Each structure stands twice: as C-alpha cells, then as structure tokens.
C-alpha cells in the first residue's frame, strides 16, 4: 500500500521555505526580516545580522539596529550598504544604527514582484520534485493498477493543493508590494 504522508511533509517543507523567502521580500514597510540575509563581518568571520545585533521596527519607515558590541557598528552599516538588492542607506550615531526605508517607486515595485515570482517558480519546482519522487515510489512498488491510479491521483491532487497555496501566498504578497 502507498502512503503519501512523507510526501505531504516534504510538500509542507517546500511551502514553509517559500513562506520564509516571501517574508524577506521588501514591501515598502519596515520589517526586521528584510535584513535577515545580511551577513556581517565580526570577530574575523561572517555572521548573520541577528547574531550581532537586535533589529527592531521604530515605525513603518524606520528600522533600528542595536549592536550587542558597539565595535561592530561600522561593519554592520557597511554590510547593509553593500547589499544592493536592499537599496538601503543606514546612519549610525555611535550607539545604534537607523535604517530609513525609502518609499518604493513603481519601477522598483515591479522589480521586486519579478524577483518574488522567481521564488514562486523555485517553490513549484520543489513541489514537482516531491511529486516525481512519489511517482517513482508508486511505479517501483508494483501495486495493482487501480491502487496505482488512485495513488497517482492522490499525489497529483497534493501537488495541485500546494501549488495553489503557493500561488495564493504570492498573490497576497504581490498585492502588498504594489499597494502604495
């Protein structure tokens, strides 16, 4: 008998990864996850920003970064400035770093949607991979034809369900990005 539970777990993992990627996408409002991909050179190695500083939202257009060690302020500012995909210009006063979030232009919004749509495609490729793995297992199990057909339909329905969830999450994010 074919069990689809492991494939549902794998599809859920793909969806979870996609949702975490969507949280990183800039929408025009300040959000601490915007800086989650920033790596800071501190103590002789590159570390994620959240390991060297606390990132908070002051208001809808301002992030405040409080370093755990004040000697890392310059490297944090440089790391944020160096990430061209963010387009941010941090300012520090020696104790904290303020990162104003500039309003997005229409052109920049479209660029961000395009980047986000590539994440959609990556997630759908992941779902297709899960479906293909399941189909290989079904074919290798040498089940009766009616059980094989039922299992394949179940896997196809699972893939469609998760693709629909990915599309819905993307439409929601796209609306959030394009909203002024």
N, C-alpha and C. Protein backbone atom coordinates (compact mmCIF):
# COMPACT_ATOMS: atom_id res chain seq x y z
N UNK A 1 0.84 -1.20 0.00
CA UNK A 1 0.00 0.00 0.00
C UNK A 1 0.88 1.24 0.00
N UNK A 2 0.44 2.27 -0.70
CA UNK A 2 1.20 3.52 -0.82
C UNK A 2 0.78 4.50 0.26
N UNK A 3 1.77 5.11 0.92
CA UNK A 3 1.49 6.09 1.97
C UNK A 3 2.02 7.45 1.52
N UNK A 4 1.13 8.44 1.43
CA UNK A 4 1.52 9.77 0.93
C UNK A 4 1.94 10.72 2.04
N UNK A 5 1.95 10.26 3.29
CA UNK A 5 2.26 11.17 4.41
C UNK A 5 3.63 11.81 4.28
N UNK A 6 4.66 11.02 3.92
CA UNK A 6 6.00 11.58 3.82
C UNK A 6 6.08 12.64 2.72
N UNK A 7 5.29 12.48 1.67
CA UNK A 7 5.30 13.45 0.57
C UNK A 7 4.54 14.71 0.97
N UNK A 8 3.53 14.55 1.79
CA UNK A 8 2.81 15.72 2.31
C UNK A 8 3.75 16.53 3.21
N UNK A 9 4.55 15.84 4.02
CA UNK A 9 5.53 16.52 4.88
C UNK A 9 6.57 17.25 4.03
N UNK A 10 7.03 16.60 2.96
CA UNK A 10 8.01 17.23 2.07
C UNK A 10 7.41 18.46 1.38
N UNK A 11 6.16 18.35 0.93
CA UNK A 11 5.48 19.48 0.28
C UNK A 11 5.29 20.61 1.29
N UNK A 12 4.97 20.27 2.52
CA UNK A 12 4.80 21.28 3.57
C UNK A 12 6.13 22.01 3.82
N UNK A 13 7.23 21.27 3.77
CA UNK A 13 8.56 21.88 3.95
C UNK A 13 8.86 22.87 2.82
N UNK A 14 8.49 22.51 1.60
CA UNK A 14 8.68 23.41 0.45
C UNK A 14 7.87 24.68 0.66
N UNK A 15 6.62 24.53 1.08
CA UNK A 15 5.75 25.68 1.33
C UNK A 15 6.30 26.56 2.45
N UNK A 16 6.80 25.93 3.50
CA UNK A 16 7.37 26.67 4.63
C UNK A 16 8.58 27.49 4.19
N UNK A 17 9.45 26.87 3.38
CA UNK A 17 10.64 27.57 2.86
C UNK A 17 10.22 28.74 1.98
N UNK A 18 9.19 28.52 1.16
CA UNK A 18 8.68 29.59 0.29
C UNK A 18 8.15 30.75 1.12
N UNK A 19 7.37 30.44 2.15
CA UNK A 19 6.82 31.50 3.01
C UNK A 19 7.92 32.27 3.72
N UNK A 20 8.97 31.59 4.14
CA UNK A 20 10.06 32.32 4.79
C UNK A 20 10.79 33.21 3.79
N UNK A 21 10.90 32.77 2.54
CA UNK A 21 11.51 33.61 1.50
C UNK A 21 10.64 34.84 1.22
N UNK A 22 9.33 34.65 1.22
CA UNK A 22 8.41 35.77 0.97
C UNK A 22 8.48 36.80 2.09
N UNK A 23 8.78 36.38 3.32
CA UNK A 23 8.89 37.32 4.43
C UNK A 23 10.07 38.27 4.22
N UNK A 24 11.08 37.80 3.50
CA UNK A 24 12.27 38.62 3.26
C UNK A 24 12.06 39.67 2.18
N UNK A 25 11.02 39.49 1.36
CA UNK A 25 10.78 40.40 0.24
C UNK A 25 10.28 41.74 0.76
N UNK A 26 10.90 42.78 0.28
CA UNK A 26 10.56 44.13 0.72
C UNK A 26 9.21 44.58 0.19
N UNK A 27 8.41 45.21 1.06
CA UNK A 27 7.07 45.64 0.64
C UNK A 27 6.85 47.14 0.77
N UNK A 28 7.83 47.87 1.23
CA UNK A 28 7.64 49.32 1.41
C UNK A 28 7.50 49.68 2.87
N UNK A 29 7.18 48.69 3.70
CA UNK A 29 7.09 48.91 5.14
C UNK A 29 8.30 48.26 5.79
N UNK A 30 8.75 48.85 6.88
CA UNK A 30 9.88 48.30 7.60
C UNK A 30 9.50 46.98 8.25
N UNK A 31 10.40 46.01 8.15
CA UNK A 31 10.19 44.70 8.76
C UNK A 31 11.57 44.11 9.07
N UNK A 32 11.79 43.61 10.28
CA UNK A 32 13.11 43.09 10.65
C UNK A 32 13.62 41.98 9.72
N UNK A 33 12.73 41.18 9.15
CA UNK A 33 13.16 40.10 8.26
C UNK A 33 13.78 40.61 6.96
N UNK A 34 13.60 41.89 6.67
CA UNK A 34 14.21 42.46 5.46
C UNK A 34 15.71 42.30 5.49
N UNK A 35 16.28 42.30 6.69
CA UNK A 35 17.73 42.25 6.83
C UNK A 35 18.24 40.86 7.22
N UNK A 36 17.37 39.85 7.15
CA UNK A 36 17.77 38.52 7.60
C UNK A 36 18.87 37.90 6.73
N UNK A 37 19.01 38.34 5.49
CA UNK A 37 20.04 37.78 4.61
C UNK A 37 21.38 38.49 4.75
N UNK A 38 21.43 39.58 5.51
CA UNK A 38 22.65 40.36 5.65
C UNK A 38 23.66 39.62 6.52
N UNK A 39 24.87 39.47 5.99
CA UNK A 39 25.97 38.84 6.73
C UNK A 39 26.96 39.93 7.12
N UNK A 40 27.33 39.96 8.40
CA UNK A 40 28.21 40.99 8.94
C UNK A 40 29.55 40.37 9.28
N UNK A 41 30.63 41.06 8.91
CA UNK A 41 31.96 40.58 9.28
C UNK A 41 32.23 41.05 10.70
N UNK A 42 32.27 40.08 11.62
CA UNK A 42 32.51 40.39 13.02
C UNK A 42 33.36 39.28 13.63
N UNK A 43 34.32 39.68 14.41
CA UNK A 43 35.19 38.72 15.10
C UNK A 43 35.90 37.78 14.14
N UNK A 44 36.27 38.31 12.97
CA UNK A 44 37.04 37.54 12.00
C UNK A 44 36.25 36.58 11.13
N UNK A 45 34.93 36.62 11.20
CA UNK A 45 34.11 35.75 10.35
C UNK A 45 32.80 36.44 9.99
N UNK A 46 32.11 35.88 9.01
CA UNK A 46 30.82 36.43 8.61
C UNK A 46 29.71 35.77 9.42
N UNK A 47 28.86 36.62 9.99
CA UNK A 47 27.77 36.14 10.84
C UNK A 47 26.46 36.79 10.40
N UNK A 48 25.32 36.10 10.58
CA UNK A 48 24.03 36.73 10.29
C UNK A 48 23.83 37.95 11.19
N UNK A 49 23.18 38.96 10.68
CA UNK A 49 22.97 40.20 11.42
C UNK A 49 22.31 39.95 12.77
N UNK A 50 21.34 39.02 12.82
CA UNK A 50 20.63 38.80 14.08
C UNK A 50 21.50 38.17 15.17
N UNK A 51 22.73 37.75 14.83
CA UNK A 51 23.65 37.20 15.83
C UNK A 51 24.58 38.27 16.41
N UNK A 52 24.61 39.44 15.77
CA UNK A 52 25.48 40.51 16.28
C UNK A 52 24.70 41.74 16.71
N UNK A 53 23.39 41.76 16.44
CA UNK A 53 22.59 42.94 16.78
C UNK A 53 21.12 42.59 16.91
N UNK A 54 20.41 43.49 17.56
CA UNK A 54 18.96 43.37 17.70
C UNK A 54 18.32 44.32 16.68
N UNK A 55 17.41 43.81 15.85
CA UNK A 55 16.75 44.63 14.83
C UNK A 55 15.29 44.83 15.24
N UNK A 56 14.89 46.10 15.36
CA UNK A 56 13.51 46.41 15.72
C UNK A 56 12.94 47.42 14.74
N UNK A 57 11.61 47.52 14.73
CA UNK A 57 10.93 48.48 13.87
C UNK A 57 10.50 49.65 14.74
N UNK A 58 10.99 50.83 14.39
CA UNK A 58 10.62 52.04 15.14
C UNK A 58 9.26 52.55 14.67
N UNK A 59 9.10 52.66 13.36
CA UNK A 59 7.81 52.99 12.75
C UNK A 59 7.78 52.35 11.36
N UNK A 60 6.77 52.61 10.58
CA UNK A 60 6.59 51.92 9.29
C UNK A 60 7.73 52.16 8.31
N UNK A 61 8.53 53.20 8.54
CA UNK A 61 9.60 53.51 7.58
C UNK A 61 10.99 53.54 8.23
N UNK A 62 11.16 52.96 9.42
CA UNK A 62 12.46 53.03 10.08
C UNK A 62 12.77 51.76 10.87
N UNK A 63 13.93 51.18 10.56
CA UNK A 63 14.45 50.06 11.33
C UNK A 63 15.53 50.59 12.27
N UNK A 64 15.57 50.07 13.48
CA UNK A 64 16.60 50.46 14.45
C UNK A 64 17.40 49.21 14.79
N UNK A 65 18.71 49.31 14.63
CA UNK A 65 19.60 48.18 14.89
C UNK A 65 20.47 48.54 16.09
N UNK A 66 20.40 47.70 17.12
CA UNK A 66 21.21 47.91 18.32
C UNK A 66 22.23 46.79 18.40
N UNK A 67 23.51 47.09 18.11
CA UNK A 67 24.54 46.05 18.16
C UNK A 67 24.78 45.58 19.59
N UNK A 68 25.08 44.28 19.73
CA UNK A 68 25.42 43.75 21.05
C UNK A 68 26.79 44.28 21.48
N UNK A 69 27.67 44.49 20.49
CA UNK A 69 29.00 45.01 20.73
C UNK A 69 29.16 46.28 19.89
N UNK A 70 29.30 47.45 20.52
CA UNK A 70 29.39 48.71 19.77
C UNK A 70 30.53 48.76 18.75
N UNK A 71 31.55 47.92 18.90
CA UNK A 71 32.66 47.94 17.95
C UNK A 71 32.26 47.38 16.58
N UNK A 72 31.09 46.75 16.48
CA UNK A 72 30.65 46.18 15.21
C UNK A 72 29.76 47.13 14.40
N UNK A 73 29.51 48.32 14.91
CA UNK A 73 28.61 49.27 14.23
C UNK A 73 29.04 49.53 12.78
N UNK A 74 30.31 49.81 12.57
CA UNK A 74 30.78 50.14 11.22
C UNK A 74 30.61 48.96 10.26
N UNK A 75 30.94 47.76 10.71
CA UNK A 75 30.81 46.60 9.82
C UNK A 75 29.34 46.28 9.53
N UNK A 76 28.44 46.53 10.49
CA UNK A 76 27.00 46.32 10.25
C UNK A 76 26.51 47.31 9.19
N UNK A 77 26.88 48.58 9.36
CA UNK A 77 26.48 49.60 8.38
C UNK A 77 27.00 49.26 6.99
N UNK A 78 28.27 48.85 6.93
CA UNK A 78 28.87 48.51 5.63
C UNK A 78 28.18 47.31 4.99
N UNK A 79 27.82 46.31 5.79
CA UNK A 79 27.17 45.12 5.26
C UNK A 79 25.80 45.46 4.68
N UNK A 80 25.05 46.32 5.36
CA UNK A 80 23.73 46.72 4.86
C UNK A 80 23.87 47.54 3.58
N UNK A 81 24.83 48.45 3.58
CA UNK A 81 25.07 49.30 2.41
C UNK A 81 25.54 48.46 1.22
N UNK A 82 26.32 47.42 1.48
CA UNK A 82 26.89 46.59 0.42
C UNK A 82 25.84 45.73 -0.28
N UNK A 83 24.74 45.43 0.38
CA UNK A 83 23.69 44.60 -0.22
C UNK A 83 22.83 45.47 -1.13
N UNK A 84 23.17 45.47 -2.42
CA UNK A 84 22.50 46.34 -3.39
C UNK A 84 21.04 45.98 -3.60
N UNK A 85 20.65 44.74 -3.33
CA UNK A 85 19.26 44.35 -3.52
C UNK A 85 18.34 45.06 -2.53
N UNK A 86 18.89 45.47 -1.39
CA UNK A 86 18.09 46.18 -0.39
C UNK A 86 17.91 47.64 -0.74
N UNK A 87 18.97 48.27 -1.25
CA UNK A 87 18.90 49.69 -1.58
C UNK A 87 18.71 50.57 -0.37
N UNK A 88 19.36 50.22 0.74
CA UNK A 88 19.20 50.98 1.99
C UNK A 88 20.48 51.72 2.34
N UNK A 89 20.32 52.84 3.06
CA UNK A 89 21.46 53.64 3.46
C UNK A 89 21.40 53.89 4.98
N UNK A 90 22.06 53.05 5.77
CA UNK A 90 22.00 53.18 7.23
C UNK A 90 22.79 54.38 7.74
N UNK A 91 22.38 54.91 8.88
CA UNK A 91 23.09 56.00 9.55
C UNK A 91 23.26 55.61 11.02
N UNK A 92 24.46 55.84 11.57
CA UNK A 92 24.67 55.47 12.97
C UNK A 92 25.09 56.69 13.78
N UNK A 93 24.83 56.62 15.09
CA UNK A 93 25.22 57.70 15.98
C UNK A 93 26.25 57.24 17.01
N UNK A 94 26.88 56.09 16.75
CA UNK A 94 27.88 55.57 17.66
C UNK A 94 27.32 54.52 18.61
N UNK A 95 26.01 54.50 18.80
CA UNK A 95 25.39 53.51 19.69
C UNK A 95 24.39 52.63 18.95
N UNK A 96 23.57 53.24 18.11
CA UNK A 96 22.58 52.50 17.34
C UNK A 96 22.65 52.89 15.87
N UNK A 97 22.06 52.05 15.04
CA UNK A 97 22.02 52.31 13.60
C UNK A 97 20.57 52.48 13.20
N UNK A 98 20.29 53.57 12.51
CA UNK A 98 18.95 53.81 11.99
C UNK A 98 18.98 53.55 10.48
N UNK A 99 17.99 52.78 10.03
CA UNK A 99 17.91 52.45 8.61
C UNK A 99 16.56 52.93 8.09
N UNK A 100 16.54 54.11 7.46
CA UNK A 100 15.27 54.59 6.89
C UNK A 100 14.90 53.75 5.66
N UNK A 101 13.64 53.43 5.56
CA UNK A 101 13.15 52.64 4.44
C UNK A 101 12.51 53.62 3.45
N UNK A 102 13.20 53.87 2.33
CA UNK A 102 12.64 54.83 1.37
C UNK A 102 11.39 54.26 0.69
N UNK A 103 10.48 55.15 0.28
CA UNK A 103 9.28 54.67 -0.42
C UNK A 103 9.69 54.03 -1.75
N UNK A 104 8.95 53.03 -2.15
CA UNK A 104 9.27 52.32 -3.39
C UNK A 104 8.67 53.04 -4.59
N UNK A 105 9.45 53.11 -5.66
CA UNK A 105 8.93 53.65 -6.92
C UNK A 105 8.16 52.53 -7.61
N UNK A 106 7.34 52.90 -8.58
CA UNK A 106 6.56 51.92 -9.34
C UNK A 106 7.50 50.92 -10.01
N UNK A 107 8.59 51.42 -10.58
CA UNK A 107 9.55 50.56 -11.26
C UNK A 107 10.18 49.56 -10.29
N UNK A 108 10.55 50.05 -9.11
CA UNK A 108 11.17 49.18 -8.10
C UNK A 108 10.17 48.14 -7.60
N UNK A 109 8.90 48.53 -7.46
CA UNK A 109 7.86 47.57 -7.05
C UNK A 109 7.74 46.44 -8.06
N UNK A 110 7.75 46.79 -9.35
CA UNK A 110 7.66 45.77 -10.39
C UNK A 110 8.88 44.84 -10.36
N UNK A 111 10.06 45.41 -10.11
CA UNK A 111 11.28 44.62 -9.99
C UNK A 111 11.17 43.63 -8.84
N UNK A 112 10.65 44.08 -7.72
CA UNK A 112 10.51 43.24 -6.54
C UNK A 112 9.52 42.11 -6.81
N UNK A 113 8.42 42.42 -7.50
CA UNK A 113 7.43 41.39 -7.86
C UNK A 113 8.09 40.35 -8.77
N UNK A 114 8.92 40.82 -9.70
CA UNK A 114 9.59 39.90 -10.62
C UNK A 114 10.52 38.96 -9.84
N UNK A 115 11.26 39.52 -8.89
CA UNK A 115 12.14 38.71 -8.06
C UNK A 115 11.34 37.71 -7.24
N UNK A 116 10.23 38.16 -6.68
CA UNK A 116 9.38 37.27 -5.88
C UNK A 116 8.79 36.16 -6.75
N UNK A 117 8.47 36.48 -8.00
CA UNK A 117 7.90 35.44 -8.87
C UNK A 117 8.93 34.35 -9.18
N UNK A 118 10.22 34.69 -9.15
CA UNK A 118 11.23 33.65 -9.34
C UNK A 118 11.24 32.69 -8.15
N UNK A 119 10.93 33.21 -6.97
CA UNK A 119 10.82 32.36 -5.77
C UNK A 119 9.62 31.42 -5.90
N UNK A 120 8.55 31.90 -6.54
CA UNK A 120 7.37 31.07 -6.79
C UNK A 120 7.78 29.89 -7.66
N UNK A 121 8.52 30.17 -8.70
CA UNK A 121 8.94 29.11 -9.62
C UNK A 121 9.83 28.09 -8.90
N UNK A 122 10.73 28.57 -8.05
CA UNK A 122 11.59 27.66 -7.28
C UNK A 122 10.74 26.74 -6.40
N UNK A 123 9.73 27.30 -5.76
CA UNK A 123 8.86 26.51 -4.88
C UNK A 123 8.08 25.48 -5.70
N UNK A 124 7.59 25.88 -6.86
CA UNK A 124 6.83 24.95 -7.69
C UNK A 124 7.73 23.82 -8.22
N UNK A 125 8.99 24.13 -8.50
CA UNK A 125 9.94 23.09 -8.90
C UNK A 125 10.13 22.11 -7.74
N UNK A 126 10.18 22.63 -6.52
CA UNK A 126 10.28 21.77 -5.34
C UNK A 126 9.08 20.84 -5.22
N UNK A 127 7.90 21.38 -5.45
CA UNK A 127 6.67 20.56 -5.38
C UNK A 127 6.68 19.50 -6.49
N UNK A 128 7.13 19.89 -7.69
CA UNK A 128 7.22 18.91 -8.78
C UNK A 128 8.20 17.79 -8.42
N UNK A 129 9.28 18.15 -7.75
CA UNK A 129 10.26 17.15 -7.31
C UNK A 129 9.64 16.16 -6.34
N UNK A 130 8.83 16.68 -5.41
CA UNK A 130 8.14 15.80 -4.45
C UNK A 130 7.19 14.87 -5.21
N UNK A 131 6.47 15.42 -6.17
CA UNK A 131 5.52 14.60 -6.94
C UNK A 131 6.25 13.51 -7.73
N UNK A 132 7.38 13.88 -8.34
CA UNK A 132 8.15 12.90 -9.12
C UNK A 132 8.70 11.79 -8.23
N UNK A 133 9.19 12.14 -7.04
CA UNK A 133 9.68 11.13 -6.10
C UNK A 133 8.57 10.16 -5.73
N UNK A 134 7.38 10.70 -5.50
CA UNK A 134 6.24 9.87 -5.14
C UNK A 134 5.87 8.95 -6.31
N UNK A 135 5.87 9.48 -7.51
CA UNK A 135 5.53 8.67 -8.68
C UNK A 135 6.54 7.53 -8.88
N UNK A 136 7.83 7.82 -8.63
CA UNK A 136 8.84 6.76 -8.75
C UNK A 136 8.57 5.66 -7.73
N UNK A 137 8.22 6.06 -6.51
CA UNK A 137 7.93 5.06 -5.49
C UNK A 137 6.71 4.23 -5.88
N UNK A 138 5.68 4.89 -6.42
CA UNK A 138 4.46 4.19 -6.84
C UNK A 138 4.79 3.18 -7.93
N UNK A 139 5.57 3.59 -8.92
CA UNK A 139 5.92 2.69 -10.02
C UNK A 139 6.78 1.53 -9.53
N UNK A 140 7.69 1.83 -8.59
CA UNK A 140 8.57 0.79 -8.06
C UNK A 140 7.88 -0.19 -7.13
N UNK A 141 6.74 0.18 -6.60
CA UNK A 141 6.04 -0.68 -5.64
C UNK A 141 5.27 -1.82 -6.30
N UNK A 142 5.09 -1.76 -7.61
CA UNK A 142 4.36 -2.79 -8.36
C UNK A 142 3.01 -3.11 -7.70
N UNK A 143 2.22 -2.06 -7.56
CA UNK A 143 0.88 -2.19 -6.97
C UNK A 143 -0.13 -2.55 -8.05
N UNK A 144 -1.30 -3.04 -7.66
CA UNK A 144 -2.35 -3.28 -8.66
C UNK A 144 -2.70 -1.97 -9.38
N UNK A 145 -3.18 -2.10 -10.61
CA UNK A 145 -3.42 -0.92 -11.45
C UNK A 145 -4.37 0.08 -10.81
N UNK A 146 -5.46 -0.39 -10.19
CA UNK A 146 -6.42 0.54 -9.59
C UNK A 146 -5.80 1.29 -8.40
N UNK A 147 -4.97 0.62 -7.62
CA UNK A 147 -4.29 1.26 -6.49
C UNK A 147 -3.25 2.27 -7.01
N UNK A 148 -2.56 1.90 -8.08
CA UNK A 148 -1.58 2.81 -8.69
C UNK A 148 -2.25 4.09 -9.17
N UNK A 149 -3.37 3.93 -9.88
CA UNK A 149 -4.10 5.10 -10.39
C UNK A 149 -4.58 5.98 -9.25
N UNK A 150 -5.12 5.36 -8.20
CA UNK A 150 -5.61 6.11 -7.05
C UNK A 150 -4.46 6.86 -6.35
N UNK A 151 -3.32 6.19 -6.20
CA UNK A 151 -2.16 6.81 -5.56
C UNK A 151 -1.63 7.98 -6.41
N UNK A 152 -1.57 7.79 -7.73
CA UNK A 152 -1.10 8.87 -8.61
C UNK A 152 -2.05 10.06 -8.54
N UNK A 153 -3.35 9.80 -8.51
CA UNK A 153 -4.33 10.89 -8.40
C UNK A 153 -4.15 11.62 -7.07
N UNK A 154 -3.93 10.86 -6.01
CA UNK A 154 -3.72 11.47 -4.69
C UNK A 154 -2.49 12.38 -4.69
N UNK A 155 -1.42 11.92 -5.32
CA UNK A 155 -0.19 12.72 -5.39
C UNK A 155 -0.41 13.95 -6.27
N UNK A 156 -1.10 13.79 -7.39
CA UNK A 156 -1.38 14.94 -8.26
C UNK A 156 -2.25 15.96 -7.53
N UNK A 157 -3.23 15.49 -6.77
CA UNK A 157 -4.08 16.40 -6.00
C UNK A 157 -3.26 17.13 -4.93
N UNK A 158 -2.34 16.39 -4.30
CA UNK A 158 -1.46 17.01 -3.29
C UNK A 158 -0.61 18.11 -3.93
N UNK A 159 -0.03 17.81 -5.08
CA UNK A 159 0.80 18.80 -5.78
C UNK A 159 -0.03 20.02 -6.17
N UNK A 160 -1.23 19.80 -6.67
CA UNK A 160 -2.10 20.91 -7.05
C UNK A 160 -2.47 21.75 -5.83
N UNK A 161 -2.79 21.09 -4.73
CA UNK A 161 -3.15 21.80 -3.50
C UNK A 161 -2.00 22.72 -3.04
N UNK A 162 -0.78 22.21 -3.06
CA UNK A 162 0.35 23.02 -2.60
C UNK A 162 0.73 24.09 -3.62
N UNK A 163 0.58 23.81 -4.90
CA UNK A 163 0.81 24.85 -5.91
C UNK A 163 -0.20 25.98 -5.75
N UNK A 164 -1.45 25.62 -5.43
CA UNK A 164 -2.48 26.64 -5.20
C UNK A 164 -2.14 27.49 -3.97
N UNK A 165 -1.63 26.84 -2.92
CA UNK A 165 -1.23 27.58 -1.71
C UNK A 165 -0.09 28.55 -2.01
N UNK A 166 0.86 28.10 -2.84
CA UNK A 166 1.98 28.96 -3.23
C UNK A 166 1.47 30.15 -4.04
N UNK A 167 0.57 29.88 -5.00
CA UNK A 167 0.00 30.97 -5.82
C UNK A 167 -0.77 31.97 -4.96
N UNK A 168 -1.53 31.47 -4.00
CA UNK A 168 -2.31 32.36 -3.13
C UNK A 168 -1.39 33.24 -2.28
N UNK A 169 -0.33 32.64 -1.74
CA UNK A 169 0.62 33.41 -0.93
C UNK A 169 1.32 34.47 -1.79
N UNK A 170 1.64 34.11 -3.04
CA UNK A 170 2.30 35.07 -3.92
C UNK A 170 1.36 36.21 -4.29
N UNK A 171 0.10 35.90 -4.60
CA UNK A 171 -0.87 36.96 -4.95
C UNK A 171 -1.03 37.93 -3.79
N UNK A 172 -1.07 37.40 -2.58
CA UNK A 172 -1.18 38.24 -1.39
C UNK A 172 0.05 39.14 -1.25
N UNK A 173 1.22 38.56 -1.47
CA UNK A 173 2.46 39.33 -1.35
C UNK A 173 2.56 40.36 -2.46
N UNK A 174 2.14 39.99 -3.67
CA UNK A 174 2.17 40.92 -4.80
C UNK A 174 1.27 42.12 -4.53
N UNK A 175 0.08 41.87 -3.99
CA UNK A 175 -0.84 42.96 -3.66
C UNK A 175 -0.21 43.87 -2.59
N UNK A 176 0.46 43.27 -1.63
CA UNK A 176 1.12 44.04 -0.57
C UNK A 176 2.26 44.89 -1.14
N UNK A 177 3.01 44.34 -2.08
CA UNK A 177 4.12 45.07 -2.70
C UNK A 177 3.61 46.23 -3.54
N UNK A 178 2.57 45.99 -4.33
CA UNK A 178 2.07 47.00 -5.26
C UNK A 178 1.23 48.07 -4.59
N UNK A 179 0.79 47.81 -3.33
CA UNK A 179 -0.01 48.79 -2.62
C UNK A 179 0.86 49.98 -2.21
N UNK A 180 0.38 51.17 -2.48
CA UNK A 180 1.17 52.38 -2.17
C UNK A 180 0.81 52.90 -0.80
